[in-house]
Amino acid sequence: MLRIVLGMNTGEPAFELAWNFILNRHNNSFAELSEAWQISISSKEDVKTLNTLKRPIPGNSYREDAQAFVELYAKKYFEIANQCIRRYDPNHLILGCRFGAPPPAYVLDALLPYTDVISVNNYQPILYERYDTVYQYTGLPLLIGEFNWNTDLYKKVPLPNETAPLSMKDRMFERGPATLLRTALHPGIIGYTWYRWVQGTSTGNNYYDGIVNYGDSLEMHATMLKKINSILESVRAENADSQWKNAPATTGEFTLFFEYLRPDWTHYIRFSIQNNKPDPMVYGWQMSGKVLAYSQIKNHYFIKLNIDFKELTVRNQTFESGKGIYEL
């Protein structure tokens, strides 16, 4: 973001703020800036040229400056948006911008003084786990601005207890409602919006997202959504004391995140237990495995997994295939 703003036209407010910010960090000296960034910059126009030529800026100092600037940018964004809204409506409920994934801590720090509700999107079965991290950090209520279960993570990853391969439709309608029912237990998630109201007509394994199609006929999701939505409030009320969090898990699913191995929210694996016994297989996106050992004493669990990883590319970074044995 920093070099984009530094390459804007002279006179634009963001351009002037960015250059003042960067030069102040380098004693208002282009010579010191050039030395720190390990590239020649003698005027404010030079970054625009670097952007046109797509030349990288190699210095570690640039990365530090870029991180510091994006933190400032985030703070200014939320501060200015709040001021503009409050000027005309002091009591307006500010929902913030809508995040596609849990934002980094510095963004959460920036929005806290200026936002009433955090708005986020989610197309994964781990809606509760994914955004509980945001709630625990900020204490702000969360509104799920977009949600549906018509995605590969719902349809293509086998369920832990599949004895024979299920259809993508069966997996979708098993995982999707379970996601919403679990989300209803979260004290900080105040609602969700199904994406979307209208789309094409589903045929075969080609599923659309709409509740209705363009002919205004109900689509495949409508019946299940009507059923689930009718009980979400009662599920929430019945579990408001959160005692379920302390009860030993005898039947259900565990979700394990390989954050250090593949730092992305799509890289988790699930295993399930039925009456204190684990199902033998575990599955995740581009990974699968077996349970080698499992034991439980009250709320203390031990599990040993043998996991195969397929080659995977995430954000232009390729992770090689391989195997691993994990004890937790």
Protein backbone atom coordinates (compact mmCIF):
# COMPACT_ATOMS: atom_id res chain seq x y z
CA MET A 1 0.00 0.00 0.00
CA LEU A 2 2.81 2.44 0.86
CA ARG A 3 4.38 2.57 -2.56
CA ILE A 4 0.97 2.88 -4.23
CA VAL A 5 0.19 5.97 -2.16
CA LEU A 6 3.69 7.39 -2.61
CA GLY A 7 3.14 7.03 -6.37
CA MET A 8 -0.09 9.03 -6.45
CA ASN A 9 -0.35 12.45 -8.06
CA THR A 10 1.18 15.41 -6.26
CA GLY A 11 -1.34 17.32 -4.17
CA GLU A 12 -3.58 14.40 -3.27
CA PRO A 13 -4.07 14.31 0.53
CA ALA A 14 -2.92 10.69 0.92
CA PHE A 15 0.17 11.41 -1.22
CA GLU A 16 1.17 14.36 0.94
CA LEU A 17 0.52 12.50 4.20
CA ALA A 18 2.53 9.46 3.07
CA TRP A 19 5.55 11.49 1.98
CA ASN A 20 5.55 13.55 5.17
CA PHE A 21 5.32 10.33 7.17
CA ILE A 22 8.19 8.60 5.33
CA LEU A 23 10.56 11.57 5.18
CA ASN A 24 10.02 12.26 8.88
CA ARG A 25 11.17 8.70 9.57
CA HIS A 26 14.39 9.38 7.61
CA ASN A 27 15.34 12.86 8.84
CA ASN A 28 13.67 14.53 5.84
CA SER A 29 16.54 13.31 3.69
CA PHE A 30 16.20 11.54 0.33
CA ALA A 31 19.82 10.42 0.73
CA GLU A 32 19.06 8.65 4.02
CA LEU A 33 15.86 7.22 2.56
CA SER A 34 17.79 5.85 -0.43
CA GLU A 35 20.40 4.29 1.83
CA ALA A 36 17.77 2.67 4.05
CA TRP A 37 15.71 1.34 1.16
CA GLN A 38 18.80 0.31 -0.84
CA ILE A 39 17.52 2.02 -3.98
CA SER A 40 18.07 5.51 -5.43
CA ILE A 41 15.27 8.00 -4.65
CA SER A 42 16.08 11.66 -5.26
CA SER A 43 12.54 13.08 -5.59
CA LYS A 44 8.92 12.25 -4.87
CA GLU A 45 8.42 11.34 -8.53
CA ASP A 46 10.90 8.46 -8.37
CA VAL A 47 8.51 6.06 -6.62
CA LYS A 48 5.96 6.57 -9.37
CA THR A 49 8.67 5.52 -11.85
CA LEU A 50 9.56 2.46 -9.74
CA ASN A 51 5.89 1.46 -9.71
CA THR A 52 5.61 1.81 -13.48
CA LEU A 53 8.72 -0.34 -13.97
CA LYS A 54 7.49 -2.77 -11.24
CA ARG A 55 10.91 -2.68 -9.59
CA PRO A 56 11.10 -4.19 -6.09
CA ILE A 57 12.36 -2.17 -3.13
CA PRO A 58 14.79 -4.55 -1.40
CA GLY A 59 15.63 -2.99 1.97
CA ASN A 60 14.29 -4.35 5.26
CA SER A 61 13.77 -0.72 6.25
CA TYR A 62 11.17 -0.38 3.46
CA ARG A 63 9.17 -3.29 4.88
CA GLU A 64 9.29 -1.71 8.34
CA ASP A 65 8.17 1.63 6.90
CA ALA A 66 5.42 -0.03 4.89
CA GLN A 67 4.07 -1.79 8.00
CA ALA A 68 4.17 1.43 10.02
CA PHE A 69 2.34 3.28 7.25
CA VAL A 70 -0.42 0.71 6.83
CA GLU A 71 -1.04 0.92 10.59
CA LEU A 72 -1.35 4.70 10.29
CA TYR A 73 -3.56 4.31 7.20
CA ALA A 74 -5.93 1.98 9.03
CA LYS A 75 -6.23 4.36 11.97
CA LYS A 76 -6.91 7.32 9.66
CA TYR A 77 -9.47 5.33 7.67
CA PHE A 78 -11.62 4.45 10.67
CA GLU A 79 -11.12 7.82 12.35
CA ILE A 80 -12.16 9.86 9.30
CA ALA A 81 -15.11 7.59 8.49
CA ASN A 82 -16.33 7.89 12.08
CA GLN A 83 -15.99 11.69 12.08
CA CYS A 84 -17.91 12.05 8.81
CA ILE A 85 -20.78 9.85 10.00
CA ARG A 86 -21.01 11.35 13.48
CA ARG A 87 -21.04 14.88 12.04
CA TYR A 88 -24.47 14.21 10.52
CA ASP A 89 -25.79 11.48 12.83
CA PRO A 90 -24.25 11.36 16.33
CA ASN A 91 -26.24 8.23 17.22
CA HIS A 92 -25.53 6.25 14.07
CA LEU A 93 -24.62 2.58 14.59
CA ILE A 94 -21.29 2.13 12.79
CA LEU A 95 -20.81 -1.32 11.31
CA GLY A 96 -17.30 -0.62 10.01
CA CYS A 97 -15.97 -2.04 6.78
CA ARG A 98 -16.70 -5.68 5.94
CA PHE A 99 -13.69 -7.99 6.29
CA GLY A 100 -13.27 -11.07 4.13
CA ALA A 101 -11.18 -12.78 6.81
CA PRO A 102 -10.02 -12.06 10.37
CA PRO A 103 -7.91 -8.90 10.10
CA PRO A 104 -4.51 -8.52 11.78
CA ALA A 105 -4.26 -7.12 15.30
CA TYR A 106 -3.13 -3.66 14.20
CA VAL A 107 -6.33 -3.24 12.16
CA LEU A 108 -8.42 -4.30 15.13
CA ASP A 109 -6.52 -1.81 17.29
CA ALA A 110 -7.25 0.90 14.72
CA LEU A 111 -11.00 0.29 14.53
CA LEU A 112 -11.71 -0.17 18.23
CA PRO A 113 -12.29 3.51 19.13
CA TYR A 114 -14.37 4.21 16.02
CA THR A 115 -16.55 1.15 15.32
CA ASP A 116 -19.62 -0.26 17.11
CA VAL A 117 -19.93 -3.60 15.30
CA ILE A 118 -17.36 -5.59 13.31
CA SER A 119 -18.76 -6.80 9.98
CA VAL A 120 -17.19 -9.88 8.39
CA ASN A 121 -17.79 -12.45 5.66
CA ASN A 122 -17.47 -16.22 6.08
CA TYR A 123 -17.73 -19.11 3.63
CA GLN A 124 -16.10 -21.77 5.81
CA PRO A 125 -17.41 -24.38 8.26
CA ILE A 126 -15.27 -22.86 11.05
CA LEU A 127 -17.25 -19.63 11.37
CA TYR A 128 -17.33 -19.83 15.19
CA GLU A 129 -13.63 -20.57 15.59
CA ARG A 130 -12.52 -18.12 12.92
CA TYR A 131 -14.18 -15.07 14.40
CA ASP A 132 -14.01 -16.00 18.05
CA THR A 133 -10.40 -14.81 17.80
CA VAL A 134 -11.67 -11.36 16.74
CA TYR A 135 -14.28 -11.25 19.49
CA GLN A 136 -11.83 -12.28 22.20
CA TYR A 137 -9.43 -9.55 21.08
CA THR A 138 -11.91 -6.68 20.74
CA GLY A 139 -15.01 -7.55 22.78
CA LEU A 140 -17.12 -5.99 19.99
CA PRO A 141 -20.20 -7.73 18.56
CA LEU A 142 -19.84 -9.32 15.13
CA LEU A 143 -22.24 -9.28 12.19
CA ILE A 144 -21.71 -11.89 9.49
CA GLY A 145 -22.34 -9.82 6.37
CA GLU A 146 -22.07 -12.72 3.91
CA PHE A 147 -22.46 -16.44 4.53
CA ASN A 148 -23.37 -19.50 2.54
CA TRP A 149 -22.37 -23.14 2.47
CA ASN A 150 -22.05 -23.59 -1.30
CA THR A 151 -18.23 -23.69 -1.27
CA ASP A 152 -15.58 -26.37 -1.75
CA LEU A 153 -14.72 -26.49 1.95
CA TYR A 154 -18.28 -27.63 2.63
CA LYS A 155 -18.68 -29.88 -0.42
CA LYS A 156 -15.35 -31.48 -1.29
CA VAL A 157 -13.75 -32.27 2.06
CA PRO A 158 -15.12 -35.59 3.38
CA LEU A 159 -16.85 -35.65 6.74
CA PRO A 160 -14.84 -37.33 9.50
CA ASN A 161 -17.46 -40.05 9.92
CA GLU A 162 -17.98 -40.91 6.24
CA THR A 163 -17.92 -44.69 5.90
CA ALA A 164 -18.70 -44.39 2.20
CA PRO A 165 -18.17 -41.26 0.06
CA LEU A 166 -21.09 -38.85 0.33
CA SER A 167 -22.28 -36.61 -2.46
CA MET A 168 -21.23 -32.96 -2.44
CA LYS A 169 -24.85 -32.03 -1.79
CA ASP A 170 -25.09 -34.33 1.25
CA ARG A 171 -21.86 -32.92 2.69
CA MET A 172 -23.04 -29.37 2.11
CA PHE A 173 -26.35 -29.92 3.87
CA GLU A 174 -24.64 -31.73 6.74
CA ARG A 175 -21.89 -29.17 7.37
CA GLY A 176 -23.82 -26.01 6.56
CA PRO A 177 -26.61 -26.26 9.15
CA ALA A 178 -24.09 -27.52 11.74
CA THR A 179 -22.06 -24.35 11.15
CA LEU A 180 -25.05 -22.10 11.83
CA LEU A 181 -26.16 -24.07 14.88
CA ARG A 182 -22.68 -23.80 16.39
CA THR A 183 -22.50 -20.10 15.51
CA ALA A 184 -25.76 -19.53 17.41
CA LEU A 185 -23.88 -20.52 20.58
CA HIS A 186 -21.44 -17.63 20.23
CA PRO A 187 -22.34 -14.71 22.54
CA GLY A 188 -20.70 -12.11 20.30
CA ILE A 189 -22.12 -13.05 16.89
CA ILE A 190 -25.40 -11.16 16.59
CA GLY A 191 -26.64 -12.23 13.16
CA TYR A 192 -25.86 -13.26 9.61
CA THR A 193 -26.91 -12.54 6.05
CA TRP A 194 -27.29 -15.37 3.56
CA TYR A 195 -25.51 -14.61 0.30
CA ARG A 196 -27.51 -14.39 -1.90
CA TRP A 197 -31.23 -13.89 -2.49
CA VAL A 198 -31.46 -14.67 -6.21
CA GLN A 199 -29.24 -16.53 -8.65
CA GLY A 200 -29.51 -19.20 -11.35
CA THR A 201 -31.23 -22.58 -11.23
CA SER A 202 -29.24 -25.45 -9.71
CA THR A 203 -28.87 -28.55 -11.88
CA GLY A 204 -26.96 -31.77 -11.16
CA ASN A 205 -23.77 -30.91 -9.24
CA ASN A 206 -23.90 -27.31 -10.40
CA TYR A 207 -25.33 -25.52 -7.36
CA TYR A 208 -26.20 -21.85 -7.14
CA ASP A 209 -26.36 -19.70 -4.03
CA GLY A 210 -29.80 -18.16 -4.36
CA ILE A 211 -32.77 -18.75 -2.10
CA VAL A 212 -34.83 -18.24 -5.26
CA ASN A 213 -33.85 -18.46 -8.92
CA TYR A 214 -34.49 -15.91 -11.65
CA GLY A 215 -37.88 -17.50 -12.26
CA ASP A 216 -38.75 -16.65 -8.63
CA SER A 217 -38.99 -20.33 -7.67
CA LEU A 218 -37.48 -21.60 -4.44
CA GLU A 219 -34.00 -23.05 -4.75
CA MET A 220 -32.42 -26.00 -2.90
CA HIS A 221 -31.23 -23.98 0.14
CA ALA A 222 -34.61 -22.48 1.04
CA THR A 223 -36.13 -25.42 2.91
CA MET A 224 -33.07 -26.03 5.09
CA LEU A 225 -32.59 -22.33 5.84
CA LYS A 226 -36.22 -22.00 6.90
CA LYS A 227 -35.80 -24.96 9.25
CA ILE A 228 -32.50 -23.78 10.74
CA ASN A 229 -33.44 -20.11 11.07
CA SER A 230 -36.58 -21.04 12.98
CA ILE A 231 -34.57 -22.61 15.83
CA LEU A 232 -31.42 -20.45 16.02
CA GLU A 233 -32.81 -18.15 18.71
CA SER A 234 -33.98 -21.04 20.89
CA VAL A 235 -30.61 -22.80 20.51
CA ARG A 236 -28.91 -19.58 21.58
CA ALA A 237 -31.21 -19.06 24.57
CA GLU A 238 -30.90 -22.65 25.79
CA ASN A 239 -27.11 -22.43 25.84
CA ALA A 240 -26.72 -18.84 27.05
CA ASP A 241 -25.01 -19.95 30.28
CA SER A 242 -22.12 -21.43 28.21
CA GLN A 243 -22.00 -24.52 30.44
CA TRP A 244 -21.55 -26.61 27.29
CA LYS A 245 -17.99 -25.23 27.05
CA ASN A 246 -17.00 -26.98 30.28
CA ALA A 247 -18.75 -30.30 29.71
CA PRO A 248 -16.52 -33.21 28.58
CA ALA A 249 -16.93 -33.82 24.85
CA THR A 250 -18.14 -37.35 24.27
CA THR A 251 -19.63 -36.93 20.79
CA GLY A 252 -18.72 -34.26 18.26
CA GLU A 253 -15.91 -32.79 16.17
CA PHE A 254 -12.53 -31.33 17.04
CA THR A 255 -10.91 -28.72 14.79
CA LEU A 256 -7.10 -28.49 14.69
CA PHE A 257 -5.29 -25.57 13.06
CA PHE A 258 -1.83 -25.93 11.51
CA GLU A 259 -1.03 -22.25 11.88
CA TYR A 260 2.73 -22.66 11.96
CA LEU A 261 2.75 -25.01 8.98
CA ARG A 262 0.34 -23.26 6.64
CA PRO A 263 -0.65 -19.85 7.99
CA ASP A 264 -4.08 -19.61 6.43
CA TRP A 265 -7.53 -20.14 7.90
CA THR A 266 -8.41 -22.78 5.28
CA HIS A 267 -5.75 -25.14 6.65
CA TYR A 268 -7.29 -27.08 9.46
CA ILE A 269 -8.22 -30.68 9.97
CA ARG A 270 -11.16 -32.22 11.77
CA PHE A 271 -11.66 -35.49 13.58
CA SER A 272 -14.80 -36.71 15.28
CA ILE A 273 -15.66 -38.86 18.27
CA GLN A 274 -18.77 -40.93 18.86
CA ASN A 275 -19.43 -41.99 22.47
CA ASN A 276 -15.80 -41.35 23.45
CA LYS A 277 -14.45 -43.31 20.47
CA PRO A 278 -12.73 -41.55 17.54
CA ASP A 279 -13.72 -42.13 13.95
CA PRO A 280 -10.66 -43.63 12.23
CA MET A 281 -10.15 -41.01 9.48
CA VAL A 282 -9.47 -37.27 9.58
CA TYR A 283 -9.82 -34.80 6.70
CA GLY A 284 -8.92 -31.26 5.73
CA TRP A 285 -8.38 -29.18 2.62
CA GLN A 286 -5.74 -31.04 0.56
CA MET A 287 -4.91 -33.27 3.53
CA SER A 288 -6.17 -36.48 5.10
CA GLY A 289 -5.03 -38.93 7.71
CA LYS A 290 -5.70 -41.54 10.33
CA VAL A 291 -6.09 -41.57 14.09
CA LEU A 292 -3.26 -43.66 15.54
CA ALA A 293 -4.18 -43.27 19.22
CA TYR A 294 -6.77 -41.49 21.33
CA SER A 295 -7.61 -41.24 25.02
CA GLN A 296 -9.74 -39.00 27.21
CA ILE A 297 -9.94 -38.32 30.94
CA LYS A 298 -12.65 -35.75 31.67
CA ASN A 299 -11.60 -32.61 29.77
CA HIS A 300 -8.10 -33.84 29.00
CA TYR A 301 -7.57 -35.39 25.58
CA PHE A 302 -4.69 -37.12 23.83
CA ILE A 303 -4.64 -37.80 20.12
CA LYS A 304 -1.97 -39.05 17.75
CA LEU A 305 -2.51 -38.44 14.03
CA ASN A 306 -0.75 -39.55 10.86
CA ILE A 307 -1.46 -36.94 8.18
CA ASP A 308 -0.71 -36.84 4.43
CA PHE A 309 -0.38 -33.38 2.86
CA LYS A 310 -0.92 -32.82 -0.85
CA GLU A 311 1.02 -30.12 -2.67
CA LEU A 312 -0.76 -26.83 -2.22
CA THR A 313 -0.38 -23.27 -3.48
CA VAL A 314 -1.62 -20.40 -1.31
CA ARG A 315 -1.08 -16.73 -2.20
CA ASN A 316 1.56 -17.66 -4.77
CA GLN A 317 3.46 -19.75 -2.22
CA THR A 318 3.74 -23.49 -2.88
CA PHE A 319 3.89 -26.01 -0.03
CA GLU A 320 5.34 -29.39 -0.92
CA SER A 321 3.48 -32.60 -0.29
CA GLY A 322 4.55 -34.69 2.66
CA LYS A 323 3.59 -36.60 5.76
CA GLY A 324 3.62 -35.86 9.46
CA ILE A 325 2.82 -37.54 12.76
CA TYR A 326 1.35 -35.23 15.37
CA GLU A 327 0.66 -35.80 19.05
CA LEU A 328 -1.62 -33.40 20.89
